[in-house]
Structures are given as structure tokens and as C-alpha cells.
Amino acid sequence: MRNRLEWRDGRVASLRQVADDVLCLTFAVDGGVPRFDPGSHTNIRVEIGGKQAIRTYTVVPAEKGHLSVAVKLHPQSRGGSRFMWTLREGDLVRLTVPENRFELSWRAPHYLLLAGGIGITPIFGMAKALVARGASVRLVYGAREAGLMSFRDELQDLLGDRVLVRDNSKGDHVDLAGEFAALPADGECYLCGPIGMLEAAKHAWVASGRPLSRLRYEVFGDSGLFAEEEFRVDILNRNQSVTVRPDQTLLEALIDAGVDMVYDCQRGECGLCAVKVIEREGAIDHRDVFLSAEQKAENDRMCACVSRLTSGGGTIDVGYRT
């Protein structure tokens, strides 16, 4: 079950490839788009294997009455990105009015924005909004190679020498400790990137002695430490076994099997869909942000919408009864 969403029709108005593997789609939305803050998301109905599904994408800056998203074509896509890349001008989709779970505080005198790969999508909107307000802002953007940096030219035009790009293929990586040391004591950091970058940033932030309340972050749920593999789970007290495909989440597999799950964000942020792990064969590839490092080390809970078993199978308790 999810919160009630406000759905509208959107027609593809334009498409633009903004990186080697990222397509920016702009939709003209029936009834227009209410004002939303940077960091907001929209849900889009996609078709995967002849069935409807919902995928969530960060909204990037667009002209009035329109809504834009930037979609990375994942090599091991669960089907959402492949569907989005098949869209053409004039195609109709159903999408929701944007909602925000990654909000700017607007309170800090200094802002440090950090992005890794496709994590630039919420950061791009934040940068534009902060520049428009005349805020003190610096952006550091890292990716595996230059061709994978979305909106790079726009960001350099916007920020000038206040943006620093890091091309990992040249041995150039984001210096988290150095960036945090240079940030004024009353500054805030906003970060979006893969799980490894997030974990490293949290450790560096704590080591710098800064309050965690001034580090705000979001992570994309497909950024695990291991490649997706098929695994099986047995559901405690249900006499039911579910196989989870590499292109499917545990949450999706449970719902398809008729298990009544409670869920909301589907991004590993809210914790509503967490299940209890009774036994397991493979390791748990934790991809959520709500479990602490200590809880992840115990490996007795698993976020059904993003986390996976690396192989084999296990026994879980979903905590709900039908």
C-alpha cells in the first residue's frame, strides 16, 4: 500500500541525450505542474514484460508547465530504464505530481553539493535554485569517465569556477575529507551517489567532527556492492517460496506472489518494507539508507525494495499476515 498519489497525463515533448548513458525526457503535463522544490521525484507508469509497473525518477529543471527526468540506461535494468529509452516525441505516459523527500533546508550560509554519476539529478536542480538565490555554493561532481557526466556543460556555465569535476578514469577522485575541511563550520552538504560514496562520505563527515544533521543525502537503490543475481526466499509460516529474478526486487516478487506488503518510497529510504531475515546462504547486499552500519552488520533485517541476497536463498518473515 502506498500514499495516495495525484496522477496526470504527460506527453513526451522532447528528448535529449545528456550523457553517454543518460536520456533526458521532457513531458508536457495536462493541467500543468504545481510548483516543486529541487530534489523532488515523480512516479511514472512503465510497461515491463507486458505488465504495468511504477518507477520513480528525480525531476530536473524544465520550463513552466513541463516536467523533465534524466534516465540512466542500466546494463542490468529491471525494465524501467529500457522502457523509458523506447519513448518517442508524442508518446503518452501517466505520471504523478512531484513530491519531495530530499529537501534543501534553505537555512545554511554555505552549501557543498556532491554528486556521483546519475546522482547529479537532484543536485542539478539544487545548484540552479541556490544560484538563483545568490547563495554561497560549491559543487563537486565525480563519475567513472567524462562521458558519463550529465549536464556537465550547463553546470559549468551556471557555476563557473565553483564547480569541480572529477574523472575517475584519470585517477581523479572526490577528496571527501578535503572538501569537508574546506567547508565553513556552519555549512551544509547535500550528497547523491552510489552507496559506496555515501558510506565513505558519512565516515569522513563524522571524522571531521561535524553534526550529522548538516549532512543530507539520497542514494539510488541499484548501487549495490555486488551484481544482481537470482535468489530464493522462503516465507516463514506461509509454506511459500518466492524466486527473485536479477531484474526484480524482493518487494516486487513478494507482491507478485500475493503477499500483502506495506511500502512507500521504493528507494530504500522509508524502511516500511523491511523484512526480518531468519536464515540466509548468500550475503545481504544492503542498499538502503535507513539501517545503521551496526544494524547492517547484524544482517537480521533487509530492505525489500532495494537490498538483495548475493546468491542462494534464505528464510524471511514479512511481519504481516493475510
Protein backbone atom coordinates (compact mmCIF):
# COMPACT_ATOMS: atom_id res chain seq x y z
CA MET A 1 0.00 0.00 0.00
CA ARG A 2 1.17 3.48 -0.84
CA ASN A 3 0.22 7.02 -0.04
CA ARG A 4 -2.42 8.45 -2.38
CA LEU A 5 -0.72 9.92 -5.45
CA GLU A 6 -2.01 12.56 -7.85
CA TRP A 7 -1.72 11.12 -11.35
CA ARG A 8 -1.74 13.14 -14.57
CA ASP A 9 -1.19 12.58 -18.28
CA GLY A 10 2.16 13.58 -19.70
CA ARG A 11 3.11 13.67 -23.36
CA VAL A 12 6.76 13.47 -24.44
CA ALA A 13 7.63 16.94 -25.72
CA SER A 14 11.37 16.43 -26.29
CA LEU A 15 14.24 14.02 -25.75
CA ARG A 16 17.90 14.87 -25.30
CA GLN A 17 20.83 12.61 -24.52
CA VAL A 18 22.79 14.37 -21.77
CA ALA A 19 25.46 11.69 -21.24
CA ASP A 20 26.57 8.52 -22.97
CA ASP A 21 24.06 6.50 -20.96
CA VAL A 22 21.56 9.14 -19.79
CA LEU A 23 18.47 10.37 -21.64
CA CYS A 24 16.60 13.50 -20.54
CA LEU A 25 12.87 13.29 -21.31
CA THR A 26 10.61 16.34 -21.05
CA PHE A 27 6.84 15.89 -20.71
CA ALA A 28 4.09 18.41 -21.32
CA VAL A 29 1.74 17.73 -18.40
CA ASP A 30 -2.04 18.05 -18.63
CA GLY A 31 -3.16 20.70 -16.14
CA GLY A 32 0.39 21.93 -15.73
CA VAL A 33 2.82 21.14 -12.93
CA PRO A 34 2.44 22.67 -9.45
CA ARG A 35 5.50 24.40 -8.04
CA PHE A 36 8.00 21.95 -6.56
CA ASP A 37 11.38 22.26 -4.87
CA PRO A 38 14.63 20.71 -6.16
CA GLY A 39 15.14 17.13 -5.04
CA SER A 40 11.53 16.19 -5.89
CA HIS A 41 10.51 12.93 -7.56
CA THR A 42 7.80 11.80 -9.91
CA ASN A 43 6.38 8.30 -10.35
CA ILE A 44 5.91 7.08 -13.91
CA ARG A 45 3.90 4.10 -15.10
CA VAL A 46 6.05 1.91 -17.29
CA GLU A 47 5.42 -1.36 -19.09
CA ILE A 48 7.70 -4.31 -18.35
CA GLY A 49 7.10 -7.69 -19.92
CA GLY A 50 3.56 -6.71 -20.87
CA LYS A 51 2.71 -5.66 -17.30
CA GLN A 52 2.39 -2.21 -15.76
CA ALA A 53 4.87 -1.14 -13.10
CA ILE A 54 5.85 2.10 -11.40
CA ARG A 55 9.32 3.61 -11.43
CA THR A 56 10.45 6.73 -9.58
CA TYR A 57 12.70 9.40 -11.10
CA THR A 58 14.15 12.65 -9.84
CA VAL A 59 12.68 15.72 -11.52
CA VAL A 60 15.26 18.00 -13.14
CA PRO A 61 14.76 21.66 -14.16
CA ALA A 62 12.28 22.24 -17.01
CA GLU A 63 10.25 25.08 -18.49
CA LYS A 64 6.92 26.03 -16.95
CA GLY A 65 4.12 23.50 -17.47
CA HIS A 66 6.61 20.74 -18.19
CA LEU A 67 8.36 18.04 -16.21
CA SER A 68 11.76 16.54 -17.04
CA VAL A 69 13.56 13.43 -15.83
CA ALA A 70 17.03 12.08 -16.67
CA VAL A 71 17.11 8.29 -17.02
CA LYS A 72 20.27 6.21 -16.95
CA LEU A 73 20.11 3.11 -19.15
CA HIS A 74 21.26 0.44 -16.73
CA PRO A 75 23.09 -2.62 -18.12
CA GLN A 76 21.06 -4.81 -15.76
CA SER A 77 17.87 -2.78 -15.92
CA ARG A 78 14.79 -4.17 -14.18
CA GLY A 79 12.93 -2.89 -17.22
CA GLY A 80 12.11 0.69 -16.25
CA SER A 81 15.04 2.41 -17.91
CA ARG A 82 14.72 0.25 -21.03
CA PHE A 83 11.06 1.28 -21.34
CA MET A 84 11.85 4.97 -20.84
CA TRP A 85 14.51 4.84 -23.55
CA THR A 86 11.94 3.48 -26.04
CA LEU A 87 9.70 6.56 -25.67
CA ARG A 88 9.47 8.99 -28.57
CA GLU A 89 8.06 12.50 -29.00
CA GLY A 90 4.28 12.47 -28.73
CA ASP A 91 4.08 9.29 -26.62
CA LEU A 92 1.69 9.46 -23.67
CA VAL A 93 2.52 8.33 -20.12
CA ARG A 94 0.90 8.57 -16.71
CA LEU A 95 2.95 10.35 -14.08
CA THR A 96 2.47 11.89 -10.65
CA VAL A 97 2.72 15.43 -9.39
CA PRO A 98 6.25 15.75 -7.89
CA GLU A 99 6.80 15.09 -4.19
CA ASN A 100 9.94 15.79 -2.19
CA ARG A 101 11.84 13.63 0.29
CA PHE A 102 15.25 15.24 -0.28
CA GLU A 103 14.65 18.87 0.60
CA LEU A 104 17.03 21.79 0.82
CA SER A 105 16.90 23.47 4.22
CA TRP A 106 17.41 26.99 2.81
CA ARG A 107 18.95 27.84 6.20
CA ALA A 108 22.69 27.44 5.65
CA PRO A 109 25.05 30.30 4.76
CA HIS A 110 27.24 27.86 2.78
CA TYR A 111 26.38 24.77 0.70
CA LEU A 112 28.55 21.94 -0.58
CA LEU A 113 26.86 19.79 -3.25
CA LEU A 114 28.36 16.37 -4.02
CA ALA A 115 27.25 14.08 -6.84
CA GLY A 116 28.39 10.73 -8.17
CA GLY A 117 27.26 9.59 -11.63
CA ILE A 118 23.49 9.75 -12.09
CA GLY A 119 23.31 11.21 -8.58
CA ILE A 120 23.64 14.60 -10.28
CA THR A 121 19.88 14.64 -10.98
CA PRO A 122 18.71 16.16 -7.66
CA ILE A 123 21.94 18.12 -7.26
CA PHE A 124 21.47 19.89 -10.62
CA GLY A 125 18.15 21.38 -9.51
CA MET A 126 19.60 22.36 -6.13
CA ALA A 127 22.51 24.15 -7.79
CA LYS A 128 20.18 26.20 -10.01
CA ALA A 129 17.92 27.11 -7.10
CA LEU A 130 20.81 28.14 -4.85
CA VAL A 131 22.47 30.24 -7.57
CA ALA A 132 19.12 31.97 -8.20
CA ARG A 133 19.01 32.92 -4.52
CA GLY A 134 22.59 34.19 -4.54
CA ALA A 135 23.71 31.51 -2.07
CA SER A 136 27.30 30.52 -1.37
CA VAL A 137 27.57 27.16 -3.13
CA ARG A 138 30.24 24.77 -4.41
CA LEU A 139 29.56 21.61 -6.45
CA VAL A 140 31.86 18.60 -6.80
CA TYR A 141 30.86 16.03 -9.43
CA GLY A 142 32.57 12.68 -9.92
CA ALA A 143 31.95 9.91 -12.45
CA ARG A 144 33.76 6.88 -13.86
CA GLU A 145 34.58 8.89 -17.01
CA ALA A 146 33.79 12.27 -18.53
CA GLY A 147 31.21 10.90 -20.98
CA LEU A 148 29.04 9.77 -18.08
CA MET A 149 28.65 13.28 -16.60
CA SER A 150 25.13 14.53 -17.27
CA PHE A 151 24.51 18.29 -17.57
CA ARG A 152 28.24 18.99 -17.28
CA ASP A 153 28.26 21.96 -19.65
CA GLU A 154 25.15 23.50 -18.09
CA LEU A 155 26.67 23.21 -14.63
CA GLN A 156 29.94 24.80 -15.69
CA ASP A 157 28.05 27.68 -17.34
CA LEU A 158 25.96 28.08 -14.19
CA LEU A 159 28.70 27.84 -11.56
CA GLY A 160 31.96 28.68 -13.32
CA ASP A 161 34.91 28.02 -11.01
CA ARG A 162 32.51 26.93 -8.24
CA VAL A 163 32.09 23.51 -9.88
CA LEU A 164 34.81 20.85 -9.80
CA VAL A 165 34.54 17.69 -11.95
CA ARG A 166 36.42 14.50 -11.09
CA ASP A 167 37.09 11.98 -13.88
CA ASN A 168 37.76 8.65 -12.16
CA SER A 169 39.22 7.12 -15.35
CA LYS A 170 42.14 9.54 -14.99
CA GLY A 171 42.70 8.63 -11.34
CA ASP A 172 40.88 11.77 -10.27
CA HIS A 173 38.51 11.14 -7.35
CA VAL A 174 36.46 13.28 -4.99
CA ASP A 175 38.53 14.24 -1.94
CA LEU A 176 35.79 13.98 0.68
CA ALA A 177 37.98 14.80 3.67
CA GLY A 178 39.47 17.80 1.88
CA GLU A 179 36.08 19.12 0.77
CA PHE A 180 34.65 18.81 4.28
CA ALA A 181 37.69 20.51 5.79
CA ALA A 182 37.26 23.47 3.40
CA LEU A 183 33.54 23.86 4.12
CA PRO A 184 32.85 26.57 6.72
CA ALA A 185 31.74 25.24 10.10
CA ASP A 186 28.16 26.42 9.61
CA GLY A 187 27.87 24.90 6.12
CA GLU A 188 25.71 22.02 4.96
CA CYS A 189 26.45 19.21 2.50
CA TYR A 190 23.95 17.60 0.12
CA LEU A 191 25.03 14.35 -1.49
CA CYS A 192 23.58 11.91 -4.01
CA GLY A 193 25.55 9.00 -5.40
CA PRO A 194 26.27 5.28 -5.16
CA ILE A 195 26.19 3.51 -1.81
CA GLY A 196 29.99 3.30 -1.59
CA MET A 197 30.34 7.06 -1.99
CA LEU A 198 27.65 7.66 0.62
CA GLU A 199 29.25 5.36 3.21
CA ALA A 200 32.66 6.97 2.66
CA ALA A 201 31.12 10.44 2.99
CA LYS A 202 29.36 9.58 6.25
CA HIS A 203 32.61 8.28 7.77
CA ALA A 204 34.56 11.34 6.60
CA TRP A 205 31.83 13.70 7.86
CA VAL A 206 31.81 12.12 11.33
CA ALA A 207 35.62 12.15 11.41
CA SER A 208 35.52 15.89 10.67
CA GLY A 209 33.51 16.43 13.86
CA ARG A 210 30.51 17.91 12.08
CA PRO A 211 26.91 17.24 13.18
CA LEU A 212 25.17 14.59 11.09
CA SER A 213 22.11 16.85 10.83
CA ARG A 214 24.07 19.00 8.35
CA LEU A 215 24.82 16.10 6.00
CA ARG A 216 21.79 15.42 3.81
CA TYR A 217 21.86 12.58 1.32
CA GLU A 218 20.00 10.37 -1.08
CA VAL A 219 21.16 7.16 -2.73
CA PHE A 220 19.90 5.26 -5.77
CA GLY A 221 18.81 1.75 -4.84
CA ASP A 222 20.56 -0.09 -7.67
CA SER A 223 24.01 0.94 -6.40
CA GLY A 224 24.95 -2.23 -4.57
CA LEU A 225 28.37 -3.71 -3.90
CA PHE A 226 27.57 -6.85 -5.91
CA ALA A 227 25.99 -7.59 -9.30
CA GLU A 228 22.35 -8.70 -9.29
CA GLU A 229 21.81 -12.46 -9.17
CA GLU A 230 18.71 -14.58 -8.84
CA PHE A 231 17.93 -15.71 -5.31
CA ARG A 232 15.12 -17.53 -3.48
CA VAL A 233 13.36 -16.75 -0.22
CA ASP A 234 11.12 -18.96 1.89
CA ILE A 235 8.46 -17.05 3.79
CA LEU A 236 8.14 -18.09 7.43
CA ASN A 237 4.79 -19.66 8.43
CA ARG A 238 3.40 -19.38 4.89
CA ASN A 239 4.65 -22.55 3.23
CA GLN A 240 5.58 -20.32 0.32
CA SER A 241 8.80 -19.90 -1.64
CA VAL A 242 9.50 -16.93 -3.94
CA THR A 243 12.22 -16.63 -6.58
CA VAL A 244 13.58 -13.12 -7.17
CA ARG A 245 14.96 -12.53 -10.67
CA PRO A 246 18.05 -10.35 -11.27
CA ASP A 247 15.80 -7.69 -12.87
CA GLN A 248 13.29 -7.73 -10.00
CA THR A 249 13.23 -6.54 -6.40
CA LEU A 250 12.27 -8.73 -3.46
CA LEU A 251 9.33 -6.40 -2.87
CA GLU A 252 8.07 -6.86 -6.43
CA ALA A 253 8.46 -10.64 -6.21
CA LEU A 254 6.54 -10.78 -2.90
CA ILE A 255 3.70 -8.63 -4.27
CA ASP A 256 3.51 -10.77 -7.43
CA ALA A 257 3.24 -13.83 -5.18
CA GLY A 258 0.23 -12.32 -3.40
CA VAL A 259 1.97 -11.23 -0.21
CA ASP A 260 0.33 -8.09 1.21
CA MET A 261 3.27 -5.73 1.79
CA VAL A 262 3.45 -2.28 3.35
CA TYR A 263 5.70 0.03 1.33
CA ASP A 264 6.06 3.63 0.18
CA CYS A 265 9.24 5.12 -1.28
CA GLN A 266 10.71 2.09 -3.13
CA ARG A 267 14.11 3.78 -2.88
CA GLY A 268 15.43 2.29 0.36
CA GLU A 269 14.68 5.38 2.43
CA CYS A 270 11.49 4.89 4.48
CA GLY A 271 12.01 1.41 5.96
CA LEU A 272 8.34 0.37 5.72
CA CYS A 273 9.05 -2.71 3.59
CA ALA A 274 11.90 -4.11 5.74
CA VAL A 275 11.66 -7.85 6.37
CA LYS A 276 13.26 -9.96 9.10
CA VAL A 277 15.95 -12.36 7.90
CA ILE A 278 15.81 -15.68 9.75
CA GLU A 279 18.39 -17.64 7.76
CA ARG A 280 20.46 -16.96 4.65
CA GLU A 281 23.01 -18.58 2.38
CA GLY A 282 24.47 -15.62 0.48
CA ALA A 283 25.49 -12.25 1.88
CA ILE A 284 22.99 -9.39 2.11
CA ASP A 285 23.83 -6.55 -0.29
CA HIS A 286 22.40 -3.67 1.75
CA ARG A 287 21.39 -0.72 -0.46
CA ASP A 288 19.20 1.26 1.92
CA VAL A 289 19.91 4.38 3.97
CA PHE A 290 17.64 3.84 6.98
CA LEU A 291 19.55 0.96 8.65
CA SER A 292 22.62 1.99 10.61
CA ALA A 293 26.03 0.43 9.99
CA GLU A 294 25.62 -1.57 13.19
CA GLN A 295 22.23 -2.90 12.11
CA LYS A 296 23.60 -3.86 8.69
CA ALA A 297 26.46 -5.72 10.38
CA GLU A 298 23.90 -7.81 12.28
CA ASN A 299 22.26 -8.79 8.96
CA ASP A 300 18.91 -9.64 10.55
CA ARG A 301 16.86 -7.12 8.54
CA MET A 302 16.65 -6.50 4.82
CA CYS A 303 15.05 -3.70 2.80
CA ALA A 304 12.75 -5.50 0.35
CA CYS A 305 12.67 -2.69 -2.24
CA VAL A 306 16.42 -2.35 -2.83
CA SER A 307 18.56 -4.88 -0.93
CA ARG A 308 19.35 -8.36 -2.23
CA LEU A 309 20.89 -11.69 -1.34
CA THR A 310 24.03 -12.20 -3.39
CA SER A 311 23.25 -15.85 -4.14
CA GLY A 312 21.41 -18.95 -2.94
CA GLY A 313 18.49 -18.15 -0.73
CA GLY A 314 17.15 -17.68 2.76
CA THR A 315 14.14 -17.59 5.05
CA ILE A 316 12.37 -14.32 5.86
CA ASP A 317 9.47 -13.10 7.98
CA VAL A 318 7.49 -10.33 6.28
CA GLY A 319 5.76 -9.43 9.53
CA TYR A 320 2.27 -9.31 8.01
CA ARG A 321 -0.45 -11.91 7.72
CA THR A 322 -3.09 -12.27 5.02
